[in-house]
Amino acid sequence: THEVYMYCLFYNFVGVILKACEEINVDFVSAFSKSPEQMLDIDYYRNTRQMIESVYNMYRTLCEYVKKNKNSQNITLKKQIQSIIKENYVNKNFSLIELADHLDYSSSYLSRFINQEFGTGFGELLNNVRLEKAKSLLHEGMCQVKEISDYVGYSSINSFIRTFKRVEGVTPKQYRDIQFSSDSKL
């Protein structure tokens, strides 16, 4: 009876792992290098201890497989976020909600993801892209600060100047003057 109980438990555990693979779209054979039928073949195991070890190893393998694939999914999502922000930063009304709509995720999930993966919030991430483009335009010296502010997606010049000074420590005009003075020394 003890062995019958162990066989039932074994089938149930393997069944749970199969169901988990199905739920999270993991190909069982690619994760375990065996088919479910091969895993469930009782003749393969010499004793119940080997069955228990097999279930434990399946569990660990599934956890590692999910973790590895989650990391690659995170990298893909991170690149998508960066790309969409770079495509839309000029839009004054671009928001986390719009980003979430683009990616078909909830805004609360994306907010947590951005904080975790980028170490900053959505607004700061968007500002960083805008400010990098603004610094490039300031360095070129062709546009007025107001034009740059509009071009990079700020709703007001005051908001642009305030954000620029908070991040760079100088106003956009001071930044441009510093760039020109250092260029003329070269």
N, C-alpha and C. Protein backbone atom coordinates (compact mmCIF):
# COMPACT_ATOMS: atom_id res chain seq x y z
N THR A 1 0.81 -1.21 0.00
CA THR A 1 0.00 0.00 0.00
C THR A 1 0.85 1.26 0.00
N HIS A 2 1.98 1.22 0.67
CA HIS A 2 2.86 2.38 0.71
C HIS A 2 3.32 2.75 -0.71
N GLU A 3 3.67 1.74 -1.50
CA GLU A 3 4.11 2.00 -2.88
C GLU A 3 2.98 2.54 -3.74
N VAL A 4 1.77 2.02 -3.56
CA VAL A 4 0.61 2.49 -4.32
C VAL A 4 0.37 3.97 -4.01
N TYR A 5 0.45 4.30 -2.74
CA TYR A 5 0.29 5.68 -2.31
C TYR A 5 1.35 6.57 -2.98
N MET A 6 2.60 6.12 -3.01
CA MET A 6 3.68 6.88 -3.63
C MET A 6 3.46 7.04 -5.13
N TYR A 7 2.98 5.99 -5.80
CA TYR A 7 2.71 6.08 -7.23
C TYR A 7 1.62 7.13 -7.50
N CYS A 8 0.57 7.11 -6.68
CA CYS A 8 -0.51 8.09 -6.84
C CYS A 8 0.02 9.51 -6.64
N LEU A 9 0.79 9.68 -5.60
CA LEU A 9 1.38 10.99 -5.33
C LEU A 9 2.26 11.44 -6.49
N PHE A 10 3.07 10.52 -6.98
CA PHE A 10 3.97 10.81 -8.09
C PHE A 10 3.17 11.30 -9.30
N TYR A 11 2.10 10.55 -9.68
CA TYR A 11 1.28 10.95 -10.82
C TYR A 11 0.64 12.32 -10.59
N ASN A 12 0.20 12.56 -9.37
CA ASN A 12 -0.41 13.85 -9.06
C ASN A 12 0.61 14.99 -9.18
N PHE A 13 1.80 14.80 -8.64
CA PHE A 13 2.83 15.84 -8.73
C PHE A 13 3.21 16.12 -10.18
N VAL A 14 3.41 15.07 -10.94
CA VAL A 14 3.76 15.25 -12.36
C VAL A 14 2.60 15.92 -13.08
N GLY A 15 1.38 15.55 -12.72
CA GLY A 15 0.19 16.20 -13.31
C GLY A 15 0.15 17.69 -13.02
N VAL A 16 0.52 18.08 -11.81
CA VAL A 16 0.57 19.50 -11.44
C VAL A 16 1.63 20.22 -12.28
N ILE A 17 2.76 19.60 -12.45
CA ILE A 17 3.83 20.21 -13.25
C ILE A 17 3.40 20.33 -14.71
N LEU A 18 2.73 19.29 -15.23
CA LEU A 18 2.21 19.36 -16.61
C LEU A 18 1.21 20.51 -16.74
N LYS A 19 0.31 20.64 -15.78
CA LYS A 19 -0.70 21.70 -15.80
C LYS A 19 -0.03 23.08 -15.72
N ALA A 20 0.99 23.19 -14.87
CA ALA A 20 1.72 24.46 -14.75
C ALA A 20 2.37 24.81 -16.09
N CYS A 21 2.97 23.82 -16.74
CA CYS A 21 3.60 24.06 -18.05
C CYS A 21 2.57 24.56 -19.05
N GLU A 22 1.39 23.94 -19.01
CA GLU A 22 0.31 24.33 -19.92
C GLU A 22 -0.15 25.76 -19.63
N GLU A 23 -0.32 26.09 -18.35
CA GLU A 23 -0.81 27.41 -17.95
C GLU A 23 0.15 28.53 -18.33
N ILE A 24 1.44 28.28 -18.23
CA ILE A 24 2.41 29.35 -18.50
C ILE A 24 3.10 29.18 -19.86
N ASN A 25 2.49 28.35 -20.71
CA ASN A 25 2.96 28.15 -22.08
C ASN A 25 4.42 27.69 -22.17
N VAL A 26 4.76 26.70 -21.36
CA VAL A 26 6.11 26.12 -21.41
C VAL A 26 6.01 24.79 -22.13
N ASP A 27 6.83 24.61 -23.14
CA ASP A 27 6.88 23.34 -23.85
C ASP A 27 7.58 22.32 -22.95
N PHE A 28 6.84 21.32 -22.52
CA PHE A 28 7.34 20.33 -21.57
C PHE A 28 8.62 19.67 -22.06
N VAL A 29 8.62 19.24 -23.32
CA VAL A 29 9.77 18.50 -23.86
C VAL A 29 11.01 19.39 -23.90
N SER A 30 10.85 20.67 -24.30
CA SER A 30 12.04 21.54 -24.34
C SER A 30 12.54 21.86 -22.93
N ALA A 31 11.64 21.91 -21.95
CA ALA A 31 12.06 22.20 -20.58
C ALA A 31 12.72 21.00 -19.91
N PHE A 32 12.19 19.79 -20.18
CA PHE A 32 12.65 18.60 -19.44
C PHE A 32 13.41 17.59 -20.28
N SER A 33 13.49 17.80 -21.57
CA SER A 33 14.17 16.88 -22.50
C SER A 33 13.58 15.47 -22.47
N LYS A 34 12.35 15.37 -22.06
CA LYS A 34 11.61 14.10 -22.06
C LYS A 34 10.15 14.44 -22.28
N SER A 35 9.43 13.47 -22.83
CA SER A 35 7.99 13.66 -22.99
C SER A 35 7.30 13.37 -21.67
N PRO A 36 6.06 13.84 -21.49
CA PRO A 36 5.32 13.51 -20.27
C PRO A 36 5.18 11.99 -20.08
N GLU A 37 4.99 11.30 -21.19
CA GLU A 37 4.85 9.84 -21.11
C GLU A 37 6.12 9.20 -20.57
N GLN A 38 7.28 9.68 -21.01
CA GLN A 38 8.55 9.14 -20.52
C GLN A 38 8.71 9.43 -19.02
N MET A 39 8.31 10.62 -18.59
CA MET A 39 8.41 10.98 -17.18
C MET A 39 7.49 10.10 -16.32
N LEU A 40 6.33 9.76 -16.88
CA LEU A 40 5.35 9.00 -16.11
C LEU A 40 5.56 7.48 -16.19
N ASP A 41 6.54 7.03 -16.94
CA ASP A 41 6.80 5.59 -17.09
C ASP A 41 7.38 5.04 -15.79
N ILE A 42 6.55 4.33 -15.05
CA ILE A 42 6.93 3.79 -13.74
C ILE A 42 8.11 2.83 -13.85
N ASP A 43 8.19 2.12 -14.95
CA ASP A 43 9.28 1.15 -15.12
C ASP A 43 10.65 1.83 -15.18
N TYR A 44 10.67 3.11 -15.47
CA TYR A 44 11.92 3.86 -15.55
C TYR A 44 12.57 4.02 -14.17
N TYR A 45 11.74 4.05 -13.13
CA TYR A 45 12.22 4.30 -11.77
C TYR A 45 12.44 2.98 -11.03
N ARG A 46 13.56 2.89 -10.34
CA ARG A 46 13.90 1.67 -9.60
C ARG A 46 13.16 1.58 -8.27
N ASN A 47 12.89 2.76 -7.67
CA ASN A 47 12.21 2.77 -6.38
C ASN A 47 11.51 4.10 -6.17
N THR A 48 10.76 4.21 -5.08
CA THR A 48 10.00 5.43 -4.83
C THR A 48 10.90 6.63 -4.54
N ARG A 49 12.05 6.39 -3.98
CA ARG A 49 12.99 7.48 -3.72
C ARG A 49 13.41 8.15 -5.03
N GLN A 50 13.65 7.33 -6.05
CA GLN A 50 14.02 7.87 -7.36
C GLN A 50 12.87 8.69 -7.96
N MET A 51 11.65 8.27 -7.71
CA MET A 51 10.47 9.02 -8.19
C MET A 51 10.40 10.38 -7.50
N ILE A 52 10.64 10.39 -6.19
CA ILE A 52 10.61 11.65 -5.44
C ILE A 52 11.69 12.60 -5.94
N GLU A 53 12.88 12.06 -6.16
CA GLU A 53 13.97 12.88 -6.70
C GLU A 53 13.62 13.42 -8.08
N SER A 54 12.96 12.60 -8.88
CA SER A 54 12.57 13.03 -10.22
C SER A 54 11.58 14.20 -10.15
N VAL A 55 10.59 14.10 -9.27
CA VAL A 55 9.61 15.19 -9.12
C VAL A 55 10.31 16.46 -8.63
N TYR A 56 11.19 16.31 -7.66
CA TYR A 56 11.92 17.47 -7.15
C TYR A 56 12.76 18.11 -8.25
N ASN A 57 13.45 17.29 -9.04
CA ASN A 57 14.26 17.81 -10.15
C ASN A 57 13.40 18.48 -11.21
N MET A 58 12.21 17.92 -11.47
CA MET A 58 11.28 18.54 -12.42
C MET A 58 10.86 19.92 -11.92
N TYR A 59 10.56 20.00 -10.64
CA TYR A 59 10.17 21.28 -10.04
C TYR A 59 11.28 22.30 -10.19
N ARG A 60 12.50 21.92 -9.83
CA ARG A 60 13.64 22.84 -9.94
C ARG A 60 13.89 23.24 -11.38
N THR A 61 13.80 22.28 -12.29
CA THR A 61 14.01 22.56 -13.71
C THR A 61 12.97 23.55 -14.22
N LEU A 62 11.72 23.35 -13.83
CA LEU A 62 10.66 24.25 -14.26
C LEU A 62 10.90 25.66 -13.71
N CYS A 63 11.29 25.75 -12.45
CA CYS A 63 11.57 27.06 -11.85
C CYS A 63 12.71 27.77 -12.59
N GLU A 64 13.78 27.05 -12.89
CA GLU A 64 14.92 27.64 -13.61
C GLU A 64 14.52 28.04 -15.02
N TYR A 65 13.74 27.19 -15.68
CA TYR A 65 13.28 27.48 -17.04
C TYR A 65 12.44 28.76 -17.06
N VAL A 66 11.51 28.87 -16.11
CA VAL A 66 10.65 30.05 -16.03
C VAL A 66 11.49 31.29 -15.73
N LYS A 67 12.42 31.17 -14.79
CA LYS A 67 13.26 32.31 -14.42
C LYS A 67 14.09 32.77 -15.62
N LYS A 68 14.69 31.82 -16.34
CA LYS A 68 15.52 32.17 -17.49
C LYS A 68 14.67 32.86 -18.57
N ASN A 69 13.50 32.32 -18.83
CA ASN A 69 12.64 32.91 -19.84
C ASN A 69 12.04 34.22 -19.39
N LYS A 70 11.79 34.36 -18.09
CA LYS A 70 11.29 35.63 -17.57
C LYS A 70 12.33 36.72 -17.79
N ASN A 71 13.60 36.40 -17.56
CA ASN A 71 14.66 37.39 -17.78
C ASN A 71 14.70 37.82 -19.23
N SER A 72 14.56 36.89 -20.17
CA SER A 72 14.59 37.28 -21.59
C SER A 72 13.33 38.06 -21.95
N GLN A 73 12.19 37.73 -21.32
CA GLN A 73 10.97 38.51 -21.55
C GLN A 73 11.14 39.91 -20.99
N ASN A 74 11.78 40.04 -19.82
CA ASN A 74 12.02 41.35 -19.23
C ASN A 74 12.90 42.21 -20.13
N ILE A 75 13.94 41.59 -20.70
CA ILE A 75 14.83 42.32 -21.60
C ILE A 75 14.05 42.80 -22.82
N THR A 76 13.20 41.94 -23.36
CA THR A 76 12.40 42.32 -24.53
C THR A 76 11.45 43.45 -24.18
N LEU A 77 10.75 43.34 -23.06
CA LEU A 77 9.82 44.40 -22.66
C LEU A 77 10.57 45.70 -22.39
N LYS A 78 11.72 45.61 -21.77
CA LYS A 78 12.52 46.80 -21.49
C LYS A 78 12.89 47.51 -22.79
N LYS A 79 13.32 46.75 -23.80
CA LYS A 79 13.66 47.34 -25.10
C LYS A 79 12.44 47.95 -25.78
N GLN A 80 11.28 47.28 -25.65
CA GLN A 80 10.06 47.83 -26.23
C GLN A 80 9.70 49.15 -25.57
N ILE A 81 9.82 49.22 -24.27
CA ILE A 81 9.50 50.47 -23.55
C ILE A 81 10.42 51.58 -24.02
N GLN A 82 11.72 51.32 -24.09
CA GLN A 82 12.67 52.33 -24.54
C GLN A 82 12.34 52.79 -25.96
N SER A 83 12.02 51.87 -26.82
CA SER A 83 11.72 52.19 -28.21
C SER A 83 10.46 53.05 -28.32
N ILE A 84 9.42 52.66 -27.62
CA ILE A 84 8.15 53.41 -27.68
C ILE A 84 8.32 54.81 -27.11
N ILE A 85 9.07 54.93 -26.03
CA ILE A 85 9.31 56.27 -25.46
C ILE A 85 10.10 57.12 -26.46
N LYS A 86 11.11 56.54 -27.10
CA LYS A 86 11.90 57.31 -28.08
C LYS A 86 11.06 57.73 -29.28
N GLU A 87 10.05 56.93 -29.62
CA GLU A 87 9.17 57.27 -30.74
C GLU A 87 8.14 58.33 -30.35
N ASN A 88 7.81 58.43 -29.07
CA ASN A 88 6.69 59.27 -28.65
C ASN A 88 7.04 60.41 -27.70
N TYR A 89 8.32 60.61 -27.39
CA TYR A 89 8.68 61.62 -26.38
C TYR A 89 8.26 63.03 -26.79
N VAL A 90 8.14 63.29 -28.08
CA VAL A 90 7.77 64.64 -28.54
C VAL A 90 6.30 64.95 -28.27
N ASN A 91 5.50 63.91 -28.03
CA ASN A 91 4.08 64.08 -27.74
C ASN A 91 3.94 64.63 -26.32
N LYS A 92 3.45 65.86 -26.19
CA LYS A 92 3.33 66.52 -24.89
C LYS A 92 2.43 65.73 -23.93
N ASN A 93 1.50 64.97 -24.46
CA ASN A 93 0.53 64.25 -23.64
C ASN A 93 0.88 62.77 -23.47
N PHE A 94 2.07 62.37 -23.91
CA PHE A 94 2.43 60.96 -23.79
C PHE A 94 2.48 60.58 -22.32
N SER A 95 1.84 59.47 -21.98
CA SER A 95 1.71 59.09 -20.58
C SER A 95 1.95 57.61 -20.39
N LEU A 96 2.02 57.22 -19.15
CA LEU A 96 2.16 55.81 -18.80
C LEU A 96 0.96 55.02 -19.33
N ILE A 97 -0.21 55.62 -19.30
CA ILE A 97 -1.42 54.94 -19.80
C ILE A 97 -1.29 54.68 -21.29
N GLU A 98 -0.78 55.65 -22.05
CA GLU A 98 -0.57 55.43 -23.49
C GLU A 98 0.47 54.35 -23.73
N LEU A 99 1.54 54.35 -22.96
CA LEU A 99 2.56 53.32 -23.08
C LEU A 99 1.94 51.95 -22.80
N ALA A 100 1.14 51.86 -21.75
CA ALA A 100 0.47 50.61 -21.39
C ALA A 100 -0.45 50.14 -22.52
N ASP A 101 -1.16 51.09 -23.14
CA ASP A 101 -2.03 50.74 -24.28
C ASP A 101 -1.22 50.20 -25.45
N HIS A 102 -0.08 50.83 -25.72
CA HIS A 102 0.80 50.36 -26.80
C HIS A 102 1.23 48.91 -26.57
N LEU A 103 1.54 48.60 -25.33
CA LEU A 103 2.12 47.30 -25.00
C LEU A 103 1.10 46.27 -24.54
N ASP A 104 -0.14 46.72 -24.35
CA ASP A 104 -1.21 45.84 -23.88
C ASP A 104 -0.92 45.27 -22.49
N TYR A 105 -0.45 46.15 -21.59
CA TYR A 105 -0.24 45.82 -20.19
C TYR A 105 -1.02 46.82 -19.36
N SER A 106 -1.25 46.51 -18.10
CA SER A 106 -1.88 47.49 -17.23
C SER A 106 -0.84 48.55 -16.86
N SER A 107 -1.31 49.76 -16.62
CA SER A 107 -0.37 50.83 -16.27
C SER A 107 0.26 50.56 -14.90
N SER A 108 -0.46 49.93 -13.98
CA SER A 108 0.13 49.65 -12.67
C SER A 108 1.25 48.62 -12.79
N TYR A 109 1.06 47.60 -13.65
CA TYR A 109 2.13 46.62 -13.86
C TYR A 109 3.35 47.31 -14.47
N LEU A 110 3.12 48.13 -15.51
CA LEU A 110 4.25 48.80 -16.17
C LEU A 110 4.96 49.76 -15.22
N SER A 111 4.21 50.41 -14.37
CA SER A 111 4.83 51.32 -13.41
C SER A 111 5.79 50.55 -12.50
N ARG A 112 5.34 49.41 -11.97
CA ARG A 112 6.21 48.58 -11.12
C ARG A 112 7.39 48.05 -11.92
N PHE A 113 7.13 47.60 -13.15
CA PHE A 113 8.19 47.05 -14.00
C PHE A 113 9.26 48.10 -14.28
N ILE A 114 8.84 49.31 -14.64
CA ILE A 114 9.78 50.39 -14.95
C ILE A 114 10.61 50.74 -13.72
N ASN A 115 9.96 50.85 -12.58
CA ASN A 115 10.71 51.13 -11.34
C ASN A 115 11.74 50.04 -11.05
N GLN A 116 11.33 48.80 -11.25
CA GLN A 116 12.22 47.67 -10.96
C GLN A 116 13.36 47.56 -11.97
N GLU A 117 13.04 47.69 -13.25
CA GLU A 117 14.04 47.45 -14.30
C GLU A 117 14.90 48.67 -14.62
N PHE A 118 14.34 49.87 -14.48
CA PHE A 118 15.09 51.08 -14.83
C PHE A 118 15.56 51.84 -13.59
N GLY A 119 15.03 51.48 -12.44
CA GLY A 119 15.42 52.16 -11.21
C GLY A 119 14.88 53.57 -11.10
N THR A 120 13.84 53.86 -11.85
CA THR A 120 13.23 55.18 -11.85
C THR A 120 11.79 55.05 -12.30
N GLY A 121 11.01 56.10 -12.13
CA GLY A 121 9.62 56.08 -12.56
C GLY A 121 9.47 56.43 -14.03
N PHE A 122 8.26 56.24 -14.55
CA PHE A 122 7.98 56.53 -15.96
C PHE A 122 8.30 57.99 -16.30
N GLY A 123 7.83 58.92 -15.47
CA GLY A 123 8.04 60.35 -15.75
C GLY A 123 9.51 60.69 -15.87
N GLU A 124 10.31 60.15 -14.98
CA GLU A 124 11.75 60.42 -15.01
C GLU A 124 12.39 59.79 -16.25
N LEU A 125 11.93 58.60 -16.60
CA LEU A 125 12.44 57.92 -17.79
C LEU A 125 12.13 58.75 -19.05
N LEU A 126 10.92 59.24 -19.14
CA LEU A 126 10.51 60.08 -20.26
C LEU A 126 11.32 61.38 -20.26
N ASN A 127 11.48 61.99 -19.10
CA ASN A 127 12.28 63.22 -19.01
C ASN A 127 13.72 63.00 -19.46
N ASN A 128 14.30 61.86 -19.10
CA ASN A 128 15.68 61.58 -19.50
C ASN A 128 15.82 61.54 -21.02
N VAL A 129 14.87 60.93 -21.70
CA VAL A 129 14.92 60.88 -23.17
C VAL A 129 14.76 62.29 -23.73
N ARG A 130 13.82 63.04 -23.19
CA ARG A 130 13.60 64.41 -23.66
C ARG A 130 14.83 65.28 -23.43
N LEU A 131 15.44 65.14 -22.25
CA LEU A 131 16.60 65.97 -21.93
C LEU A 131 17.82 65.61 -22.78
N GLU A 132 18.01 64.34 -23.09
CA GLU A 132 19.12 63.96 -23.96
C GLU A 132 18.99 64.61 -25.33
N LYS A 133 17.77 64.59 -25.87
CA LYS A 133 17.53 65.23 -27.16
C LYS A 133 17.70 66.74 -27.04
N ALA A 134 17.22 67.31 -25.95
CA ALA A 134 17.35 68.76 -25.73
C ALA A 134 18.82 69.16 -25.67
N LYS A 135 19.63 68.39 -24.94
CA LYS A 135 21.07 68.70 -24.84
C LYS A 135 21.73 68.64 -26.21
N SER A 136 21.34 67.68 -27.01
CA SER A 136 21.88 67.58 -28.36
C SER A 136 21.52 68.82 -29.18
N LEU A 137 20.28 69.26 -29.08
CA LEU A 137 19.84 70.45 -29.83
C LEU A 137 20.50 71.71 -29.28
N LEU A 138 20.67 71.79 -27.97
CA LEU A 138 21.36 72.95 -27.39
C LEU A 138 22.80 73.00 -27.85
N HIS A 139 23.42 71.86 -27.94
CA HIS A 139 24.81 71.79 -28.39
C HIS A 139 24.96 72.25 -29.84
N GLU A 140 23.95 71.91 -30.67
CA GLU A 140 23.99 72.34 -32.07
C GLU A 140 23.84 73.86 -32.19
N GLY A 141 23.11 74.47 -31.26
CA GLY A 141 22.99 75.92 -31.20
C GLY A 141 22.09 76.55 -32.25
N MET A 142 21.30 75.77 -32.95
CA MET A 142 20.46 76.31 -34.02
C MET A 142 19.10 76.81 -33.55
N CYS A 143 18.59 76.29 -32.45
CA CYS A 143 17.22 76.60 -32.02
C CYS A 143 17.22 77.39 -30.73
N GLN A 144 16.16 78.17 -30.56
CA GLN A 144 15.93 78.90 -29.32
C GLN A 144 15.47 77.89 -28.24
N VAL A 145 15.68 78.24 -26.98
CA VAL A 145 15.29 77.36 -25.88
C VAL A 145 13.80 77.04 -25.93
N LYS A 146 12.96 78.02 -26.25
CA LYS A 146 11.50 77.80 -26.35
C LYS A 146 11.20 76.77 -27.43
N GLU A 147 11.87 76.85 -28.59
CA GLU A 147 11.64 75.90 -29.68
C GLU A 147 12.05 74.49 -29.26
N ILE A 148 13.17 74.40 -28.56
CA ILE A 148 13.65 73.10 -28.09
C ILE A 148 12.66 72.52 -27.09
N SER A 149 12.19 73.35 -26.18
CA SER A 149 11.21 72.92 -25.19
C SER A 149 9.98 72.33 -25.87
N ASP A 150 9.47 73.01 -26.87
CA ASP A 150 8.30 72.52 -27.62
C ASP A 150 8.64 71.23 -28.37
N TYR A 151 9.78 71.23 -29.02
CA TYR A 151 10.17 70.10 -29.85
C TYR A 151 10.32 68.81 -29.06
N VAL A 152 10.88 68.89 -27.86
CA VAL A 152 11.12 67.67 -27.09
C VAL A 152 9.94 67.27 -26.21
N GLY A 153 8.82 67.98 -26.33
CA GLY A 153 7.59 67.50 -25.71
C GLY A 153 7.18 68.11 -24.39
N TYR A 154 7.82 69.21 -23.98
CA TYR A 154 7.39 69.84 -22.74
C TYR A 154 6.20 70.74 -23.00
N SER A 155 5.26 70.75 -22.06
CA SER A 155 4.04 71.54 -22.24
C SER A 155 4.28 73.03 -22.00
N SER A 156 5.36 73.35 -21.26
CA SER A 156 5.69 74.77 -21.07
C SER A 156 7.20 74.93 -20.97
N ILE A 157 7.67 76.10 -21.33
CA ILE A 157 9.11 76.37 -21.25
C ILE A 157 9.56 76.37 -19.79
N ASN A 158 8.70 76.85 -18.89
CA ASN A 158 9.07 76.86 -17.47
C ASN A 158 9.29 75.44 -16.94
N SER A 159 8.43 74.53 -17.34
CA SER A 159 8.58 73.13 -16.92
C SER A 159 9.90 72.57 -17.47
N PHE A 160 10.19 72.89 -18.71
CA PHE A 160 11.44 72.43 -19.34
C PHE A 160 12.66 72.97 -18.58
N ILE A 161 12.68 74.28 -18.32
CA ILE A 161 13.82 74.90 -17.65
C ILE A 161 13.99 74.33 -16.24
N ARG A 162 12.87 74.20 -15.52
CA ARG A 162 12.92 73.66 -14.15
C ARG A 162 13.48 72.23 -14.14
N THR A 163 12.98 71.38 -15.05
CA THR A 163 13.44 69.99 -15.12
C THR A 163 14.90 69.94 -15.54
N PHE A 164 15.27 70.75 -16.53
CA PHE A 164 16.64 70.75 -17.02
C PHE A 164 17.60 71.15 -15.90
N LYS A 165 17.25 72.20 -15.17
CA LYS A 165 18.13 72.67 -14.10
C LYS A 165 18.23 71.65 -12.97
N ARG A 166 17.10 70.99 -12.64
CA ARG A 166 17.12 69.97 -11.58
C ARG A 166 18.06 68.83 -11.95
N VAL A 167 18.05 68.41 -13.21
CA VAL A 167 18.86 67.27 -13.64
C VAL A 167 20.30 67.68 -13.95
N GLU A 168 20.49 68.78 -14.66
CA GLU A 168 21.82 69.17 -15.14
C GLU A 168 22.54 70.15 -14.21
N GLY A 169 21.80 70.80 -13.33
CA GLY A 169 22.42 71.75 -12.41
C GLY A 169 22.58 73.15 -12.99
N VAL A 170 22.21 73.32 -14.23
CA VAL A 170 22.27 74.63 -14.90
C VAL A 170 21.03 74.77 -15.78
N THR A 171 20.71 76.00 -16.16
CA THR A 171 19.59 76.22 -17.07
C THR A 171 20.00 75.80 -18.49
N PRO A 172 19.04 75.62 -19.39
CA PRO A 172 19.39 75.27 -20.77
C PRO A 172 20.31 76.32 -21.42
N LYS A 173 20.04 77.59 -21.16
CA LYS A 173 20.89 78.64 -21.73
C LYS A 173 22.30 78.55 -21.18
N GLN A 174 22.44 78.36 -19.87
CA GLN A 174 23.77 78.20 -19.28
C GLN A 174 24.48 76.97 -19.85
N TYR A 175 23.73 75.92 -20.04
CA TYR A 175 24.30 74.69 -20.61
C TYR A 175 24.86 74.98 -22.01
N ARG A 176 24.07 75.69 -22.82
CA ARG A 176 24.51 76.03 -24.17
C ARG A 176 25.76 76.90 -24.13
N ASP A 177 25.77 77.91 -23.24
CA ASP A 177 26.93 78.80 -23.12
C ASP A 177 28.18 78.01 -22.72
N ILE A 178 28.02 77.07 -21.79
CA ILE A 178 29.16 76.24 -21.37
C ILE A 178 29.65 75.40 -22.55
N GLN A 179 28.73 74.85 -23.31
CA GLN A 179 29.11 74.02 -24.47
C GLN A 179 29.88 74.84 -25.50
N PHE A 180 29.37 76.05 -25.78
CA PHE A 180 30.05 76.90 -26.78
C PHE A 180 31.41 77.34 -26.30
N SER A 181 31.53 77.68 -25.01
CA SER A 181 32.83 78.13 -24.52
C SER A 181 33.83 76.97 -24.51
N SER A 182 33.38 75.76 -24.22
CA SER A 182 34.32 74.63 -24.23
C SER A 182 34.66 74.22 -25.67
N ASP A 183 33.73 74.40 -26.61
CA ASP A 183 34.01 74.10 -28.03
C ASP A 183 35.00 75.09 -28.61
N SER A 184 34.89 76.38 -28.21
CA SER A 184 35.78 77.39 -28.80
C SER A 184 37.21 77.24 -28.26
N LYS A 185 37.37 76.58 -27.10
CA LYS A 185 38.70 76.38 -26.55
C LYS A 185 39.44 75.23 -27.26
N LEU A 186 38.69 74.38 -27.96
CA LEU A 186 39.33 73.24 -28.63
C LEU A 186 40.06 73.61 -29.85
